[in-house]
N, C-alpha and C. Protein backbone atom coordinates (compact mmCIF):
# COMPACT_ATOMS: atom_id res chain seq x y z
N UNK A 1 122.77 73.45 35.40
CA UNK A 1 123.45 73.97 36.45
C UNK A 1 125.03 73.87 36.14
N UNK A 2 125.43 72.91 35.33
CA UNK A 2 126.85 72.66 34.98
C UNK A 2 127.50 73.95 34.48
N UNK A 3 126.81 74.79 33.70
CA UNK A 3 127.37 76.04 33.14
C UNK A 3 127.76 76.94 34.35
N UNK A 4 126.87 76.99 35.26
CA UNK A 4 127.05 77.86 36.47
C UNK A 4 128.34 77.36 37.21
N UNK A 5 128.38 76.05 37.47
CA UNK A 5 129.62 75.50 38.11
C UNK A 5 130.82 75.76 37.36
N UNK A 6 130.82 75.68 36.01
CA UNK A 6 132.02 75.96 35.20
C UNK A 6 132.35 77.41 35.40
N UNK A 7 131.43 78.33 35.41
CA UNK A 7 131.70 79.77 35.44
C UNK A 7 132.29 80.07 36.88
N UNK A 8 131.80 79.40 37.96
CA UNK A 8 132.32 79.67 39.35
C UNK A 8 133.79 79.15 39.36
N UNK A 9 134.00 78.02 38.81
CA UNK A 9 135.40 77.41 38.82
C UNK A 9 136.26 78.36 38.05
N UNK A 10 135.83 78.81 36.89
CA UNK A 10 136.67 79.71 36.07
C UNK A 10 137.08 81.04 36.76
N UNK A 11 136.10 81.58 37.48
CA UNK A 11 136.36 82.88 38.22
C UNK A 11 137.33 82.54 39.42
N UNK A 12 137.29 81.39 40.04
CA UNK A 12 138.12 81.11 41.14
C UNK A 12 139.51 80.80 40.76
N UNK A 13 139.80 80.52 39.51
CA UNK A 13 141.15 80.19 39.03
C UNK A 13 142.10 81.45 39.24
N UNK A 14 141.57 82.62 39.45
CA UNK A 14 142.30 83.79 39.76
C UNK A 14 143.06 83.66 41.06
N UNK A 15 142.53 82.73 41.96
CA UNK A 15 143.17 82.48 43.26
C UNK A 15 144.26 81.47 43.20
N UNK A 16 144.58 80.99 42.06
CA UNK A 16 145.67 79.98 41.87
C UNK A 16 145.42 78.71 42.75
N UNK A 17 144.30 78.11 42.71
CA UNK A 17 144.11 76.96 43.57
C UNK A 17 144.89 75.83 43.23
N UNK A 18 145.39 75.05 44.29
CA UNK A 18 146.07 73.85 44.03
C UNK A 18 145.05 72.71 44.13
N UNK A 19 143.90 73.03 44.78
CA UNK A 19 142.75 72.08 44.75
C UNK A 19 141.47 72.87 44.83
N UNK A 20 140.48 72.42 44.16
CA UNK A 20 139.18 73.13 44.15
C UNK A 20 138.11 72.04 43.99
N UNK A 21 137.26 71.90 44.95
CA UNK A 21 136.13 71.06 44.87
C UNK A 21 134.85 71.86 45.01
N UNK A 22 133.92 71.84 44.14
CA UNK A 22 132.64 72.60 44.21
C UNK A 22 131.56 71.61 44.07
N UNK A 23 130.75 71.48 45.20
CA UNK A 23 129.58 70.61 45.18
C UNK A 23 128.33 71.36 45.03
N UNK A 24 127.43 70.92 44.17
CA UNK A 24 126.09 71.64 43.99
C UNK A 24 125.16 70.81 45.04
N UNK A 25 124.75 71.60 46.00
CA UNK A 25 123.87 70.96 47.00
C UNK A 25 122.39 71.46 46.98
N UNK A 26 122.04 72.05 45.75
CA UNK A 26 120.82 72.64 45.54
C UNK A 26 119.71 71.70 45.75
N UNK A 27 119.82 70.37 45.34
CA UNK A 27 118.72 69.44 45.40
C UNK A 27 118.38 69.24 46.90
N UNK A 28 119.39 69.36 47.74
CA UNK A 28 119.09 69.17 49.23
C UNK A 28 118.25 70.31 49.87
N UNK A 29 118.14 71.36 49.11
CA UNK A 29 117.42 72.56 49.54
C UNK A 29 116.12 72.85 48.84
N UNK A 30 115.63 71.76 48.07
CA UNK A 30 114.40 72.00 47.40
C UNK A 30 113.29 72.35 48.34
N UNK A 31 112.51 73.31 48.04
CA UNK A 31 111.44 73.80 48.87
C UNK A 31 111.83 74.92 49.81
N UNK A 32 113.14 75.15 49.85
CA UNK A 32 113.68 76.28 50.77
C UNK A 32 113.35 77.54 49.88
N UNK A 33 113.08 78.64 50.59
CA UNK A 33 112.72 79.90 50.05
C UNK A 33 113.73 80.36 48.99
N UNK A 34 115.03 80.19 49.30
CA UNK A 34 116.15 80.65 48.47
C UNK A 34 116.10 79.90 47.16
N UNK A 35 115.86 78.62 47.30
CA UNK A 35 115.85 77.65 46.16
C UNK A 35 114.70 78.10 45.18
N UNK A 36 113.66 78.63 45.74
CA UNK A 36 112.51 79.01 44.81
C UNK A 36 112.93 80.20 43.96
N UNK A 37 113.87 80.99 44.43
CA UNK A 37 114.30 82.17 43.61
C UNK A 37 115.29 81.74 42.48
N UNK A 38 115.77 80.46 42.40
CA UNK A 38 116.61 80.00 41.43
C UNK A 38 118.05 79.95 41.72
N UNK A 39 118.40 80.59 42.81
CA UNK A 39 119.82 80.53 43.21
C UNK A 39 120.26 79.21 43.78
N UNK A 40 121.50 78.73 43.35
CA UNK A 40 122.01 77.43 43.78
C UNK A 40 122.61 77.51 45.17
N UNK A 41 122.70 76.34 45.83
CA UNK A 41 123.39 76.11 47.07
C UNK A 41 124.68 75.39 46.81
N UNK A 42 125.79 75.89 47.21
CA UNK A 42 127.09 75.22 46.83
C UNK A 42 127.96 75.03 48.16
N UNK A 43 128.81 74.09 48.07
CA UNK A 43 129.88 73.86 49.04
C UNK A 43 131.27 73.97 48.31
N UNK A 44 132.12 74.80 48.75
CA UNK A 44 133.45 74.98 48.15
C UNK A 44 134.55 74.56 49.08
N UNK A 45 135.47 73.81 48.54
CA UNK A 45 136.70 73.49 49.24
C UNK A 45 137.75 73.98 48.29
N UNK A 46 138.66 74.91 48.76
CA UNK A 46 139.65 75.45 47.92
C UNK A 46 140.99 75.58 48.74
N UNK A 47 142.01 75.14 48.06
CA UNK A 47 143.45 75.30 48.66
C UNK A 47 144.23 76.19 47.78
N UNK A 48 144.77 77.25 48.38
CA UNK A 48 145.54 78.15 47.61
C UNK A 48 146.70 78.74 48.46
N UNK A 49 147.87 78.90 47.88
CA UNK A 49 149.00 79.55 48.58
C UNK A 49 148.73 81.05 48.79
N UNK A 50 147.75 81.64 48.07
CA UNK A 50 147.41 82.99 48.22
C UNK A 50 146.68 83.29 49.60
N UNK A 51 146.22 82.19 50.23
CA UNK A 51 145.55 82.33 51.49
C UNK A 51 146.55 82.34 52.70
N UNK A 52 147.84 82.11 52.40
CA UNK A 52 148.88 82.15 53.50
C UNK A 52 148.86 83.54 54.16
N UNK A 53 148.87 83.46 55.50
CA UNK A 53 148.91 84.72 56.23
C UNK A 53 147.67 85.47 56.29
N UNK A 54 146.60 84.94 55.76
CA UNK A 54 145.31 85.67 55.75
C UNK A 54 144.28 85.07 56.74
N UNK A 55 143.51 85.85 57.29
CA UNK A 55 142.51 85.27 58.22
C UNK A 55 141.47 84.54 57.47
N UNK A 56 140.62 83.90 58.15
CA UNK A 56 139.43 83.17 57.56
C UNK A 56 138.57 84.13 56.81
N UNK A 57 138.35 85.26 57.45
CA UNK A 57 137.42 86.28 56.84
C UNK A 57 138.06 86.87 55.62
N UNK A 58 139.35 87.06 55.57
CA UNK A 58 140.00 87.62 54.42
C UNK A 58 139.94 86.55 53.23
N UNK A 59 140.04 85.33 53.57
CA UNK A 59 140.01 84.22 52.56
C UNK A 59 138.63 84.22 51.93
N UNK A 60 137.55 84.30 52.78
CA UNK A 60 136.18 84.31 52.36
C UNK A 60 135.86 85.50 51.38
N UNK A 61 136.42 86.65 51.85
CA UNK A 61 136.27 87.87 51.15
C UNK A 61 136.91 87.69 49.67
N UNK A 62 138.08 87.11 49.69
CA UNK A 62 138.70 86.85 48.34
C UNK A 62 137.89 85.99 47.45
N UNK A 63 137.20 85.00 47.98
CA UNK A 63 136.31 84.18 47.14
C UNK A 63 135.09 84.99 46.73
N UNK A 64 134.35 85.65 47.71
CA UNK A 64 133.23 86.42 47.37
C UNK A 64 133.44 87.60 46.38
N UNK A 65 134.67 88.16 46.40
CA UNK A 65 135.01 89.24 45.50
C UNK A 65 134.88 88.79 44.05
N UNK A 66 135.18 87.54 43.86
CA UNK A 66 135.24 87.01 42.52
C UNK A 66 133.88 86.50 42.02
N UNK A 67 132.94 86.39 42.98
CA UNK A 67 131.61 85.89 42.70
C UNK A 67 130.47 86.86 43.08
N UNK A 68 130.84 88.06 43.46
CA UNK A 68 129.78 88.99 44.11
C UNK A 68 128.62 89.31 43.15
N UNK A 69 128.86 89.41 41.87
CA UNK A 69 127.70 89.73 40.99
C UNK A 69 126.80 88.54 40.77
N UNK A 70 127.26 87.42 41.15
CA UNK A 70 126.40 86.12 41.02
C UNK A 70 125.47 85.90 42.29
N UNK A 71 125.75 86.67 43.34
CA UNK A 71 125.06 86.50 44.64
C UNK A 71 124.01 87.66 44.72
N UNK A 72 122.81 87.35 45.04
CA UNK A 72 122.12 86.06 45.34
C UNK A 72 121.31 85.51 44.25
N UNK A 73 121.33 86.17 43.06
CA UNK A 73 120.45 85.64 41.89
C UNK A 73 120.87 84.30 41.49
N UNK A 74 122.13 84.01 41.32
CA UNK A 74 122.62 82.76 40.76
C UNK A 74 123.15 81.84 41.84
N UNK A 75 123.77 82.36 42.84
CA UNK A 75 124.28 81.68 43.99
C UNK A 75 123.52 82.14 45.16
N UNK A 76 122.66 81.32 45.81
CA UNK A 76 121.91 81.71 46.95
C UNK A 76 122.75 81.52 48.27
N UNK A 77 123.53 80.37 48.23
CA UNK A 77 124.28 80.01 49.50
C UNK A 77 125.60 79.39 49.01
N UNK A 78 126.65 79.70 49.76
CA UNK A 78 127.89 79.23 49.47
C UNK A 78 128.64 78.90 50.73
N UNK A 79 128.91 77.66 51.08
CA UNK A 79 129.70 77.27 52.25
C UNK A 79 131.07 77.11 51.81
N UNK A 80 132.07 77.80 52.49
CA UNK A 80 133.46 77.82 52.01
C UNK A 80 134.43 77.30 53.00
N UNK A 81 135.27 76.39 52.54
CA UNK A 81 136.39 75.85 53.29
C UNK A 81 137.64 76.28 52.49
N UNK A 82 138.32 77.31 53.00
CA UNK A 82 139.39 77.89 52.26
C UNK A 82 140.68 77.65 53.07
N UNK A 83 141.63 76.98 52.53
CA UNK A 83 142.87 76.56 53.33
C UNK A 83 144.10 76.85 52.48
N UNK A 84 145.20 76.94 53.28
CA UNK A 84 146.58 77.06 52.62
C UNK A 84 147.02 75.67 52.35
N UNK A 85 148.05 75.53 51.57
CA UNK A 85 148.60 74.14 51.25
C UNK A 85 149.04 73.48 52.59
N UNK A 86 149.69 74.18 53.49
CA UNK A 86 150.11 73.57 54.77
C UNK A 86 148.96 73.07 55.60
N UNK A 87 147.85 73.89 55.61
CA UNK A 87 146.69 73.53 56.36
C UNK A 87 145.98 72.20 55.76
N UNK A 88 146.00 72.22 54.46
CA UNK A 88 145.39 71.14 53.79
C UNK A 88 146.20 69.81 53.96
N UNK A 89 147.47 69.88 54.18
CA UNK A 89 148.30 68.72 54.36
C UNK A 89 148.15 68.23 55.81
N UNK A 90 147.70 69.06 56.73
CA UNK A 90 147.58 68.69 58.15
C UNK A 90 146.21 68.14 58.42
N UNK A 91 146.11 66.99 59.06
CA UNK A 91 144.79 66.37 59.31
C UNK A 91 144.01 67.15 60.34
N UNK A 92 144.70 67.98 61.09
CA UNK A 92 144.08 68.75 62.16
C UNK A 92 143.74 70.15 61.85
N UNK A 93 143.94 70.54 60.69
CA UNK A 93 143.73 71.94 60.24
C UNK A 93 142.35 72.31 60.16
């Protein structure tokens, strides 16, 4: 699965992330119908200045646009926390 993680990270570099954490949570979903199809479950935390002035939906769309051809075959589920640098610095963001 590390090749998949590397590919996801590589694609997301287009968003100029200042921070990017990608967790593979697939093992937590063993037995789940989506896991049976081979697609992984991931949690993404990404901080980018490109998200400034964009809604939460627009931020998620920017992430999905770079990964669309991987969903649902290779990525079954993706939880996204997309923040601006200012939001990331604030403990209440």
